[in-house]
Protein backbone atom coordinates (compact mmCIF):
# COMPACT_ATOMS: atom_id res chain seq x y z
CA ARG A 1 -31.46 23.96 -59.01
CA GLY A 2 -28.60 23.13 -56.70
CA ASP A 3 -26.59 20.12 -55.63
CA VAL A 4 -28.91 18.96 -52.85
CA PRO A 5 -32.20 19.23 -54.80
CA LEU A 6 -30.65 17.39 -57.75
CA PHE A 7 -29.19 14.72 -55.48
CA GLU A 8 -32.65 14.25 -53.96
CA LYS A 9 -34.26 13.95 -57.38
CA LEU A 10 -31.63 11.45 -58.53
CA CYS A 11 -32.26 9.32 -55.42
CA LEU A 12 -36.02 9.48 -55.82
CA GLU A 13 -35.83 8.61 -59.51
CA GLY A 14 -33.67 5.61 -58.59
CA ALA A 15 -36.19 4.58 -55.93
CA GLN A 16 -38.95 4.83 -58.53
CA ALA A 17 -37.33 2.30 -60.89
CA GLY A 18 -39.90 -0.41 -61.56
CA LEU A 19 -42.60 1.43 -59.61
CA SER A 20 -45.01 4.26 -60.33
CA TRP A 21 -43.81 7.80 -59.77
CA ALA A 22 -46.98 8.42 -57.73
CA THR A 23 -45.86 5.76 -55.23
CA ILE A 24 -42.53 7.47 -54.60
CA LEU A 25 -43.98 10.98 -54.66
CA ALA A 26 -46.45 9.98 -51.93
CA LYS A 27 -43.48 8.78 -49.85
CA ARG A 28 -41.27 11.80 -50.52
CA GLU A 29 -41.43 13.12 -46.96
CA ALA A 30 -40.60 9.65 -45.61
CA TYR A 31 -37.55 9.58 -47.89
CA ARG A 32 -36.51 13.04 -46.74
CA GLN A 33 -36.76 11.96 -43.12
CA ALA A 34 -34.95 8.65 -43.71
CA PHE A 35 -32.15 10.29 -45.69
CA ARG A 36 -31.62 13.41 -43.58
CA GLY A 37 -33.18 15.86 -46.00
CA PHE A 38 -30.88 14.45 -48.69
CA ASP A 39 -27.97 16.38 -47.23
CA ILE A 40 -25.25 14.83 -49.36
CA ARG A 41 -22.58 14.62 -46.65
CA ALA A 42 -25.05 13.26 -44.08
CA CYS A 43 -26.18 10.57 -46.53
CA ALA A 44 -22.57 9.68 -47.32
CA GLU A 45 -21.89 9.21 -43.61
CA MET A 46 -24.81 6.87 -42.93
CA THR A 47 -23.68 3.65 -41.27
CA ASP A 48 -24.39 0.09 -42.29
CA ASP A 49 -26.59 -0.23 -39.20
CA GLU A 50 -28.63 2.81 -40.21
CA LEU A 51 -29.13 1.44 -43.71
CA ARG A 52 -30.03 -1.99 -42.33
CA HIS A 53 -32.61 -0.35 -40.07
CA LEU A 54 -34.19 1.38 -43.09
CA VAL A 55 -34.44 -1.97 -44.88
CA GLU A 56 -35.81 -3.89 -41.89
CA ASP A 57 -37.97 -1.31 -40.08
CA ARG A 58 -41.61 -2.32 -40.47
CA SER A 59 -43.00 0.20 -37.98
CA ALA A 60 -43.98 2.73 -40.66
CA THR A 61 -46.47 1.89 -43.39
CA GLY A 62 -48.09 3.55 -46.38
CA PRO A 63 -46.82 7.05 -47.22
CA HIS A 64 -44.82 7.09 -43.96
CA ALA A 65 -42.52 4.30 -45.15
CA ILE A 66 -39.87 4.21 -47.83
CA VAL A 67 -39.63 1.31 -50.26
CA ARG A 68 -37.46 -1.25 -48.46
CA HIS A 69 -35.32 -2.31 -51.40
CA ARG A 70 -31.82 -2.93 -50.04
CA GLY A 71 -30.07 -2.04 -53.30
CA LYS A 72 -31.94 1.23 -53.72
CA ILE A 73 -31.40 2.21 -50.08
CA GLU A 74 -27.68 1.43 -50.21
CA ALA A 75 -27.42 3.31 -53.51
CA VAL A 76 -28.35 6.56 -51.74
CA ARG A 77 -25.28 6.40 -49.49
CA HIS A 78 -23.10 5.12 -52.34
CA ASN A 79 -24.24 7.87 -54.72
CA ALA A 80 -23.80 10.49 -51.98
CA ARG A 81 -20.17 9.44 -51.68
CA LYS A 82 -19.74 9.58 -55.45
CA THR A 83 -21.38 13.01 -55.51
CA LEU A 84 -18.95 14.28 -52.87
CA GLU A 85 -16.05 12.95 -54.96
CA LEU A 86 -17.40 14.79 -58.02
CA ILE A 87 -17.80 18.00 -56.03
CA ALA A 88 -14.28 17.70 -54.60
CA GLU A 89 -12.80 17.33 -58.09
CA ALA A 90 -14.59 20.40 -59.48
CA PRO A 91 -12.98 23.81 -59.86
CA ALA A 92 -13.69 26.15 -56.93
CA ALA A 93 -16.22 28.39 -58.68
CA VAL A 94 -18.20 26.09 -60.96
CA THR A 95 -21.64 27.71 -60.83
CA PRO A 96 -23.71 29.40 -58.16
CA HIS A 97 -25.77 26.20 -58.02
CA GLY A 98 -22.87 23.82 -57.32
CA ALA A 99 -20.60 21.32 -59.04
CA PHE A 100 -23.08 18.41 -59.17
CA ASP A 101 -25.67 20.77 -60.62
CA ALA A 102 -23.18 21.96 -63.28
CA PHE A 103 -22.19 18.37 -64.10
CA LEU A 104 -25.80 17.29 -64.69
CA TRP A 105 -26.96 20.44 -66.46
CA ALA A 106 -24.03 20.21 -68.88
CA PHE A 107 -25.88 17.39 -70.66
CA VAL A 108 -28.44 19.95 -71.88
CA GLY A 109 -25.97 22.78 -72.41
CA GLY A 110 -26.77 24.47 -69.08
CA ALA A 111 -30.26 25.64 -70.04
CA PRO A 112 -33.67 23.97 -70.24
CA ARG A 113 -34.48 22.26 -73.51
CA LEU A 114 -38.02 22.93 -74.67
CA ASN A 115 -39.20 20.05 -76.80
CA ARG A 116 -42.08 20.54 -79.22
CA TRP A 117 -43.99 17.25 -79.30
CA SER A 118 -47.33 17.20 -81.11
CA THR A 119 -48.71 14.51 -78.81
CA ALA A 120 -47.69 12.81 -75.58
CA LYS A 121 -47.13 9.59 -77.55
CA GLU A 122 -44.18 11.24 -79.31
CA MET A 123 -42.32 11.84 -76.03
CA PRO A 124 -39.37 9.49 -75.59
CA THR A 125 -38.56 7.61 -72.42
CA GLU A 126 -34.86 8.22 -73.00
CA THR A 127 -32.69 10.35 -75.27
CA ASP A 128 -29.08 10.49 -76.41
CA GLU A 129 -28.42 13.06 -73.68
CA ALA A 130 -29.88 10.74 -71.04
CA VAL A 131 -27.75 7.88 -72.34
CA ALA A 132 -24.68 10.14 -72.18
CA MET A 133 -25.57 11.18 -68.61
CA THR A 134 -25.98 7.52 -67.66
CA LYS A 135 -22.59 6.62 -69.10
CA ALA A 136 -20.90 9.52 -67.34
CA LEU A 137 -22.52 8.74 -63.98
CA LYS A 138 -21.79 5.01 -64.27
CA ALA A 139 -18.18 5.78 -65.22
CA ARG A 140 -17.97 7.65 -61.90
CA GLY A 141 -19.45 4.65 -60.09
CA PHE A 142 -23.04 5.82 -59.54
CA LYS A 143 -25.81 3.21 -59.19
CA PHE A 144 -29.46 3.17 -60.29
CA VAL A 145 -28.79 5.66 -63.07
CA GLY A 146 -30.05 4.03 -66.27
CA PRO A 147 -31.16 6.10 -69.29
CA LYS A 148 -34.85 6.08 -68.32
CA ILE A 149 -33.99 7.17 -64.77
CA CYS A 150 -31.73 9.92 -66.12
CA TYR A 151 -34.38 11.13 -68.58
CA SER A 152 -36.98 11.17 -65.80
CA LEU A 153 -34.52 13.21 -63.73
CA MET A 154 -34.04 15.60 -66.64
CA GLN A 155 -37.82 16.03 -66.92
CA SER A 156 -38.47 16.37 -63.20
CA CYS A 157 -35.93 19.13 -62.65
CA GLY A 158 -36.73 21.10 -65.82
CA MET A 159 -33.67 20.22 -67.88
CA VAL A 160 -36.12 19.14 -70.56
CA VAL A 161 -39.69 20.32 -70.93
CA ASP A 162 -41.81 17.70 -72.63
CA HIS A 163 -45.31 19.13 -72.68
CA PRO A 164 -47.05 18.60 -76.03
CA VAL A 165 -47.58 21.79 -78.02
CA GLY A 166 -50.67 23.64 -76.77
CA THR A 167 -50.64 22.24 -73.22
CA PRO A 168 -49.68 24.26 -70.15
């Protein structure tokens, strides 16, 4: 939990759009290095030249390189700025985990939701809560935050637990 870990997960889920999660997970350290450990303020302050370098730099390959999709790379800075706006608007003592954390966790009532699927085939790729999160984030100007991305975020950070009954 926390603003920075959730911001990182949101960025990585956005980077994953249209790709396999394994591809992005293998590049996680490259993303952390490229985006300053996902420090929200540092990402918000990245310059156009820095972003252009991330798009054009061909020196790193494989797991040492991020996916060079201009829109996804620019979305990190953009979403960092939107996250800072959200944090600035929040009451002083939102939660011990931060205002962005509280905003996102509110879509599941602040506690993990344990789903009870009989089989993996029953698991949805999006839910009403993910659609609501998408609408709220888009209303605040966030990018790369569709319902499938938001549901993946909810799964990856434990907002929803989607293991079929009887699996660990």
